[in-house]
């Protein structure tokens, strides 16, 4: 079983450096173009994908719709568990605004944000259930940067810490109880278009 983990395409808030969390910010035109580029790349690769599942936030759902349509695969019901971390009072703010209001360690304050432990627990529960439901299928999962970063920490501790790019692709292969990474945070499809 393979799982292809994808961060959604660019939004205006991404471009402005604002924390989105569970605020439902749509893709922008660049984000839609990125989704098209990844869809084109996936069509040319040897991996075959059976289904696509997205978070229920529109930026992930639209990314998934574009990719699933390109690949001609079914889009499963959105899953609440793969939504972005809830950031509480911090949603909509830039780094400068957060630090000005609460200081550099804003993330340690109780501002209504979900904890790393809560996020990792729902990420691992999702992975276990997907593996149990579709043990012989290859699934594309469209989610969010903060969520995926915590999933990788839950699975691999500190092995992977680079920031996840919009429309980055990570492929994990299920072997017994382990998820083996075959590809991590790859944005080749976007970099190729920029040259």
C-alpha atoms as a PDB file:
ATOM      1  CA  UNK A   1       0.000   0.000   0.000  1.00  0.00           C
ATOM      2  CA  UNK A   2       1.199   3.500  -0.878  1.00  0.00           C
ATOM      3  CA  UNK A   3       0.004   6.784   0.537  1.00  0.00           C
ATOM      4  CA  UNK A   4       0.863   9.961  -1.353  1.00  0.00           C
ATOM      5  CA  UNK A   5       0.709  12.897   1.060  1.00  0.00           C
ATOM      6  CA  UNK A   6       0.239  16.270  -0.589  1.00  0.00           C
ATOM      7  CA  UNK A   7       0.108  19.759   0.888  1.00  0.00           C
ATOM      8  CA  UNK A   8      -2.651  21.836  -0.744  1.00  0.00           C
ATOM      9  CA  UNK A   9      -1.900  24.550  -3.311  1.00  0.00           C
ATOM     10  CA  UNK A  10      -1.099  28.196  -2.605  1.00  0.00           C
ATOM     11  CA  UNK A  11      -3.661  30.561  -1.082  1.00  0.00           C
ATOM     12  CA  UNK A  12      -3.524  34.341  -0.676  1.00  0.00           C
ATOM     13  CA  UNK A  13      -2.910  33.855   3.058  1.00  0.00           C
ATOM     14  CA  UNK A  14       0.033  31.521   2.302  1.00  0.00           C
ATOM     15  CA  UNK A  15       1.476  34.214   0.053  1.00  0.00           C
ATOM     16  CA  UNK A  16       1.029  36.841   2.805  1.00  0.00           C
ATOM     17  CA  UNK A  17       2.519  34.580   5.503  1.00  0.00           C
ATOM     18  CA  UNK A  18      -0.713  34.420   7.529  1.00  0.00           C
ATOM     19  CA  UNK A  19      -1.526  31.377   9.663  1.00  0.00           C
ATOM     20  CA  UNK A  20      -4.628  29.753   8.199  1.00  0.00           C
ATOM     21  CA  UNK A  21      -5.355  26.959  10.634  1.00  0.00           C
ATOM     22  CA  UNK A  22      -8.972  25.932  10.183  1.00  0.00           C
ATOM     23  CA  UNK A  23     -10.032  29.244   8.601  1.00  0.00           C
ATOM     24  CA  UNK A  24     -11.457  28.188   5.244  1.00  0.00           C
ATOM     25  CA  UNK A  25      -9.288  30.154   2.824  1.00  0.00           C
ATOM     26  CA  UNK A  26      -9.694  29.163  -0.861  1.00  0.00           C
ATOM     27  CA  UNK A  27      -6.911  28.373  -3.328  1.00  0.00           C
ATOM     28  CA  UNK A  28      -5.761  31.257  -5.481  1.00  0.00           C
ATOM     29  CA  UNK A  29      -5.049  30.955  -9.221  1.00  0.00           C
ATOM     30  CA  UNK A  30      -1.414  30.038  -8.563  1.00  0.00           C
ATOM     31  CA  UNK A  31      -2.574  27.263  -6.199  1.00  0.00           C
ATOM     32  CA  UNK A  32      -4.875  25.890  -8.909  1.00  0.00           C
ATOM     33  CA  UNK A  33      -2.004  25.971 -11.417  1.00  0.00           C
ATOM     34  CA  UNK A  34       0.218  24.087  -8.946  1.00  0.00           C
ATOM     35  CA  UNK A  35      -2.469  21.392  -8.573  1.00  0.00           C
ATOM     36  CA  UNK A  36      -2.611  21.044 -12.388  1.00  0.00           C
ATOM     37  CA  UNK A  37       1.202  20.679 -12.488  1.00  0.00           C
ATOM     38  CA  UNK A  38       1.195  17.921  -9.871  1.00  0.00           C
ATOM     39  CA  UNK A  39      -1.680  16.162 -11.654  1.00  0.00           C
ATOM     40  CA  UNK A  40       0.332  16.222 -14.907  1.00  0.00           C
ATOM     41  CA  UNK A  41       3.390  14.848 -13.113  1.00  0.00           C
ATOM     42  CA  UNK A  42       1.408  12.016 -11.470  1.00  0.00           C
ATOM     43  CA  UNK A  43       0.011  11.006 -14.873  1.00  0.00           C
ATOM     44  CA  UNK A  44       3.558  10.456 -16.158  1.00  0.00           C
ATOM     45  CA  UNK A  45       4.919   8.528 -13.162  1.00  0.00           C
ATOM     46  CA  UNK A  46       4.880   4.760 -12.725  1.00  0.00           C
ATOM     47  CA  UNK A  47       2.838   4.807  -9.490  1.00  0.00           C
ATOM     48  CA  UNK A  48      -0.885   4.194 -10.035  1.00  0.00           C
ATOM     49  CA  UNK A  49      -3.300   5.863  -7.622  1.00  0.00           C
ATOM     50  CA  UNK A  50      -6.703   4.370  -6.786  1.00  0.00           C
ATOM     51  CA  UNK A  51      -8.393   7.071  -4.701  1.00  0.00           C
ATOM     52  CA  UNK A  52      -7.973  10.606  -3.482  1.00  0.00           C
ATOM     53  CA  UNK A  53      -9.106  11.857  -0.073  1.00  0.00           C
ATOM     54  CA  UNK A  54      -8.894  15.448   1.173  1.00  0.00           C
ATOM     55  CA  UNK A  55      -9.413  17.475   4.293  1.00  0.00           C
ATOM     56  CA  UNK A  56     -12.799  19.189   4.463  1.00  0.00           C
ATOM     57  CA  UNK A  57     -11.245  22.666   4.091  1.00  0.00           C
ATOM     58  CA  UNK A  58     -11.826  24.098   0.608  1.00  0.00           C
ATOM     59  CA  UNK A  59      -8.139  24.699  -0.241  1.00  0.00           C
ATOM     60  CA  UNK A  60      -7.426  20.968   0.173  1.00  0.00           C
ATOM     61  CA  UNK A  61     -10.748  19.852  -1.336  1.00  0.00           C
ATOM     62  CA  UNK A  62     -10.222  21.916  -4.498  1.00  0.00           C
ATOM     63  CA  UNK A  63      -6.606  20.731  -4.838  1.00  0.00           C
ATOM     64  CA  UNK A  64      -7.878  17.140  -4.604  1.00  0.00           C
ATOM     65  CA  UNK A  65     -10.681  17.754  -7.088  1.00  0.00           C
ATOM     66  CA  UNK A  66      -8.213  19.063  -9.702  1.00  0.00           C
ATOM     67  CA  UNK A  67      -5.773  16.163  -9.213  1.00  0.00           C
ATOM     68  CA  UNK A  68      -8.446  13.426  -9.061  1.00  0.00           C
ATOM     69  CA  UNK A  69     -10.058  14.766 -12.256  1.00  0.00           C
ATOM     70  CA  UNK A  70      -6.679  14.745 -14.062  1.00  0.00           C
ATOM     71  CA  UNK A  71      -5.997  11.161 -12.954  1.00  0.00           C
ATOM     72  CA  UNK A  72      -9.575   9.979 -13.474  1.00  0.00           C
ATOM     73  CA  UNK A  73      -9.799   8.534  -9.949  1.00  0.00           C
ATOM     74  CA  UNK A  74     -12.637   8.737  -7.404  1.00  0.00           C
ATOM     75  CA  UNK A  75     -12.584  11.427  -4.735  1.00  0.00           C
ATOM     76  CA  UNK A  76     -13.584   9.878  -1.387  1.00  0.00           C
ATOM     77  CA  UNK A  77     -15.586  11.744   1.282  1.00  0.00           C
ATOM     78  CA  UNK A  78     -13.474  14.480   2.935  1.00  0.00           C
ATOM     79  CA  UNK A  79     -12.008  13.539   6.329  1.00  0.00           C
ATOM     80  CA  UNK A  80     -12.145  15.985   9.253  1.00  0.00           C
ATOM     81  CA  UNK A  81      -9.112  14.340  10.879  1.00  0.00           C
ATOM     82  CA  UNK A  82      -6.734  15.590   8.193  1.00  0.00           C
ATOM     83  CA  UNK A  83      -7.753  19.256   8.567  1.00  0.00           C
ATOM     84  CA  UNK A  84      -5.072  21.752   9.521  1.00  0.00           C
ATOM     85  CA  UNK A  85      -4.220  22.357  13.187  1.00  0.00           C
ATOM     86  CA  UNK A  86      -6.708  24.695  14.862  1.00  0.00           C
ATOM     87  CA  UNK A  87      -4.720  27.833  15.756  1.00  0.00           C
ATOM     88  CA  UNK A  88      -7.347  29.653  17.818  1.00  0.00           C
ATOM     89  CA  UNK A  89      -6.675  33.376  18.257  1.00  0.00           C
ATOM     90  CA  UNK A  90      -3.602  33.261  16.029  1.00  0.00           C
ATOM     91  CA  UNK A  91      -5.445  32.455  12.764  1.00  0.00           C
ATOM     92  CA  UNK A  92      -5.150  35.202  10.172  1.00  0.00           C
ATOM     93  CA  UNK A  93      -2.033  36.758  11.678  1.00  0.00           C
ATOM     94  CA  UNK A  94       1.427  37.153  10.151  1.00  0.00           C
ATOM     95  CA  UNK A  95       4.601  36.255  12.089  1.00  0.00           C
ATOM     96  CA  UNK A  96       5.230  39.961  12.814  1.00  0.00           C
ATOM     97  CA  UNK A  97       1.695  40.454  14.167  1.00  0.00           C
ATOM     98  CA  UNK A  98       1.911  37.356  16.377  1.00  0.00           C
ATOM     99  CA  UNK A  99       5.257  38.367  17.854  1.00  0.00           C
ATOM    100  CA  UNK A 100       4.176  41.966  18.377  1.00  0.00           C
ATOM    101  CA  UNK A 101       1.073  40.853  20.276  1.00  0.00           C
ATOM    102  CA  UNK A 102       2.415  37.869  22.259  1.00  0.00           C
ATOM    103  CA  UNK A 103       6.212  37.781  21.839  1.00  0.00           C
ATOM    104  CA  UNK A 104       8.506  35.246  20.176  1.00  0.00           C
ATOM    105  CA  UNK A 105       7.170  32.297  22.208  1.00  0.00           C
ATOM    106  CA  UNK A 106       3.515  32.894  21.230  1.00  0.00           C
ATOM    107  CA  UNK A 107       3.153  29.191  20.372  1.00  0.00           C
ATOM    108  CA  UNK A 108       3.739  28.269  24.048  1.00  0.00           C
ATOM    109  CA  UNK A 109       0.793  30.404  25.222  1.00  0.00           C
ATOM    110  CA  UNK A 110      -2.747  29.011  25.545  1.00  0.00           C
ATOM    111  CA  UNK A 111      -4.309  30.860  22.607  1.00  0.00           C
ATOM    112  CA  UNK A 112      -6.796  28.180  21.638  1.00  0.00           C
ATOM    113  CA  UNK A 113      -4.425  26.213  19.396  1.00  0.00           C
ATOM    114  CA  UNK A 114      -4.419  22.430  19.175  1.00  0.00           C
ATOM    115  CA  UNK A 115      -1.397  20.786  20.818  1.00  0.00           C
ATOM    116  CA  UNK A 116       1.228  18.765  18.932  1.00  0.00           C
ATOM    117  CA  UNK A 117       0.022  15.678  20.827  1.00  0.00           C
ATOM    118  CA  UNK A 118      -3.609  16.187  19.749  1.00  0.00           C
ATOM    119  CA  UNK A 119      -2.576  16.706  16.144  1.00  0.00           C
ATOM    120  CA  UNK A 120      -0.284  13.658  16.114  1.00  0.00           C
ATOM    121  CA  UNK A 121      -2.999  11.489  17.682  1.00  0.00           C
ATOM    122  CA  UNK A 122      -5.543  12.332  14.983  1.00  0.00           C
ATOM    123  CA  UNK A 123      -2.905  11.956  12.255  1.00  0.00           C
ATOM    124  CA  UNK A 124      -1.927   8.464  13.421  1.00  0.00           C
ATOM    125  CA  UNK A 125      -5.589   7.438  13.877  1.00  0.00           C
ATOM    126  CA  UNK A 126      -6.264   8.500  10.274  1.00  0.00           C
ATOM    127  CA  UNK A 127      -3.245   6.556   8.938  1.00  0.00           C
ATOM    128  CA  UNK A 128      -4.239   3.399  10.844  1.00  0.00           C
ATOM    129  CA  UNK A 129      -7.825   3.530   9.605  1.00  0.00           C
ATOM    130  CA  UNK A 130      -6.844   4.213   5.973  1.00  0.00           C
ATOM    131  CA  UNK A 131      -4.409   1.269   6.089  1.00  0.00           C
ATOM    132  CA  UNK A 132      -7.141  -0.986   7.531  1.00  0.00           C
ATOM    133  CA  UNK A 133      -9.814   0.126   5.014  1.00  0.00           C
ATOM    134  CA  UNK A 134      -7.644   0.075   1.861  1.00  0.00           C
ATOM    135  CA  UNK A 135      -4.757  -2.347   2.541  1.00  0.00           C
ATOM    136  CA  UNK A 136      -4.117  -3.088  -1.148  1.00  0.00           C
ATOM    137  CA  UNK A 137      -4.816   0.364  -2.621  1.00  0.00           C
ATOM    138  CA  UNK A 138      -2.735   3.461  -3.317  1.00  0.00           C
ATOM    139  CA  UNK A 139      -4.296   6.593  -1.847  1.00  0.00           C
ATOM    140  CA  UNK A 140      -3.521  10.270  -2.438  1.00  0.00           C
ATOM    141  CA  UNK A 141      -4.162  12.373   0.664  1.00  0.00           C
ATOM    142  CA  UNK A 142      -4.478  16.160   0.320  1.00  0.00           C
ATOM    143  CA  UNK A 143      -3.907  17.903   3.626  1.00  0.00           C
ATOM    144  CA  UNK A 144      -2.048  20.839   5.211  1.00  0.00           C
ATOM    145  CA  UNK A 145       1.512  21.823   6.104  1.00  0.00           C
ATOM    146  CA  UNK A 146       1.143  21.974   9.887  1.00  0.00           C
ATOM    147  CA  UNK A 147      -0.817  18.722   9.980  1.00  0.00           C
ATOM    148  CA  UNK A 148       1.635  16.835   7.743  1.00  0.00           C
ATOM    149  CA  UNK A 149       4.656  18.136   9.678  1.00  0.00           C
ATOM    150  CA  UNK A 150       3.191  16.673  12.893  1.00  0.00           C
ATOM    151  CA  UNK A 151       2.377  13.374  11.151  1.00  0.00           C
ATOM    152  CA  UNK A 152       6.032  13.069  10.053  1.00  0.00           C
ATOM    153  CA  UNK A 153       7.224  13.857  13.599  1.00  0.00           C
ATOM    154  CA  UNK A 154       4.848  11.179  14.960  1.00  0.00           C
ATOM    155  CA  UNK A 155       6.195   8.625  12.456  1.00  0.00           C
ATOM    156  CA  UNK A 156       9.884   9.577  12.217  1.00  0.00           C
ATOM    157  CA  UNK A 157      10.713  11.780  15.240  1.00  0.00           C
ATOM    158  CA  UNK A 158      13.223  14.448  14.121  1.00  0.00           C
ATOM    159  CA  UNK A 159      14.344  12.817  10.892  1.00  0.00           C
ATOM    160  CA  UNK A 160      12.367  15.222   8.667  1.00  0.00           C
ATOM    161  CA  UNK A 161      12.074  18.868   9.587  1.00  0.00           C
ATOM    162  CA  UNK A 162      12.325  20.918   6.393  1.00  0.00           C
ATOM    163  CA  UNK A 163       9.352  23.189   5.733  1.00  0.00           C
ATOM    164  CA  UNK A 164       6.758  21.538   3.471  1.00  0.00           C
ATOM    165  CA  UNK A 165       6.199  23.328   0.176  1.00  0.00           C
ATOM    166  CA  UNK A 166       2.756  23.960  -1.300  1.00  0.00           C
ATOM    167  CA  UNK A 167       1.834  20.976  -3.508  1.00  0.00           C
ATOM    168  CA  UNK A 168       4.800  18.996  -2.172  1.00  0.00           C
ATOM    169  CA  UNK A 169       4.519  15.225  -2.579  1.00  0.00           C
ATOM    170  CA  UNK A 170       5.643  12.674   0.010  1.00  0.00           C
ATOM    171  CA  UNK A 171       5.129   8.956  -0.703  1.00  0.00           C
ATOM    172  CA  UNK A 172       5.036   6.406   2.110  1.00  0.00           C
ATOM    173  CA  UNK A 173       4.885   2.646   1.608  1.00  0.00           C
ATOM    174  CA  UNK A 174       3.196   0.414   4.188  1.00  0.00           C
ATOM    175  CA  UNK A 175       5.412  -2.540   5.147  1.00  0.00           C
ATOM    176  CA  UNK A 176       3.996  -4.625   8.012  1.00  0.00           C
ATOM    177  CA  UNK A 177       3.651  -2.027  10.800  1.00  0.00           C
ATOM    178  CA  UNK A 178       6.073   0.520   9.316  1.00  0.00           C
ATOM    179  CA  UNK A 179       5.528   3.417   6.901  1.00  0.00           C
ATOM    180  CA  UNK A 180       8.683   3.610   4.758  1.00  0.00           C
ATOM    181  CA  UNK A 181       9.303   6.949   3.048  1.00  0.00           C
ATOM    182  CA  UNK A 182       9.995   6.561  -0.693  1.00  0.00           C
ATOM    183  CA  UNK A 183       9.889  10.294  -1.447  1.00  0.00           C
ATOM    184  CA  UNK A 184       9.816  13.330   0.865  1.00  0.00           C
ATOM    185  CA  UNK A 185       8.567  16.894   0.301  1.00  0.00           C
ATOM    186  CA  UNK A 186       9.223  16.796  -3.458  1.00  0.00           C
ATOM    187  CA  UNK A 187       8.192  19.875  -5.488  1.00  0.00           C
ATOM    188  CA  UNK A 188      10.029  18.958  -8.698  1.00  0.00           C
ATOM    189  CA  UNK A 189       6.832  19.532 -10.755  1.00  0.00           C
ATOM    190  CA  UNK A 190       6.739  23.168  -9.611  1.00  0.00           C
ATOM    191  CA  UNK A 191      10.490  23.823  -9.821  1.00  0.00           C
ATOM    192  CA  UNK A 192      10.550  22.527 -13.428  1.00  0.00           C
ATOM    193  CA  UNK A 193       7.892  25.076 -14.430  1.00  0.00           C
ATOM    194  CA  UNK A 194       9.868  27.940 -12.882  1.00  0.00           C
ATOM    195  CA  UNK A 195      12.916  27.379 -15.117  1.00  0.00           C
END
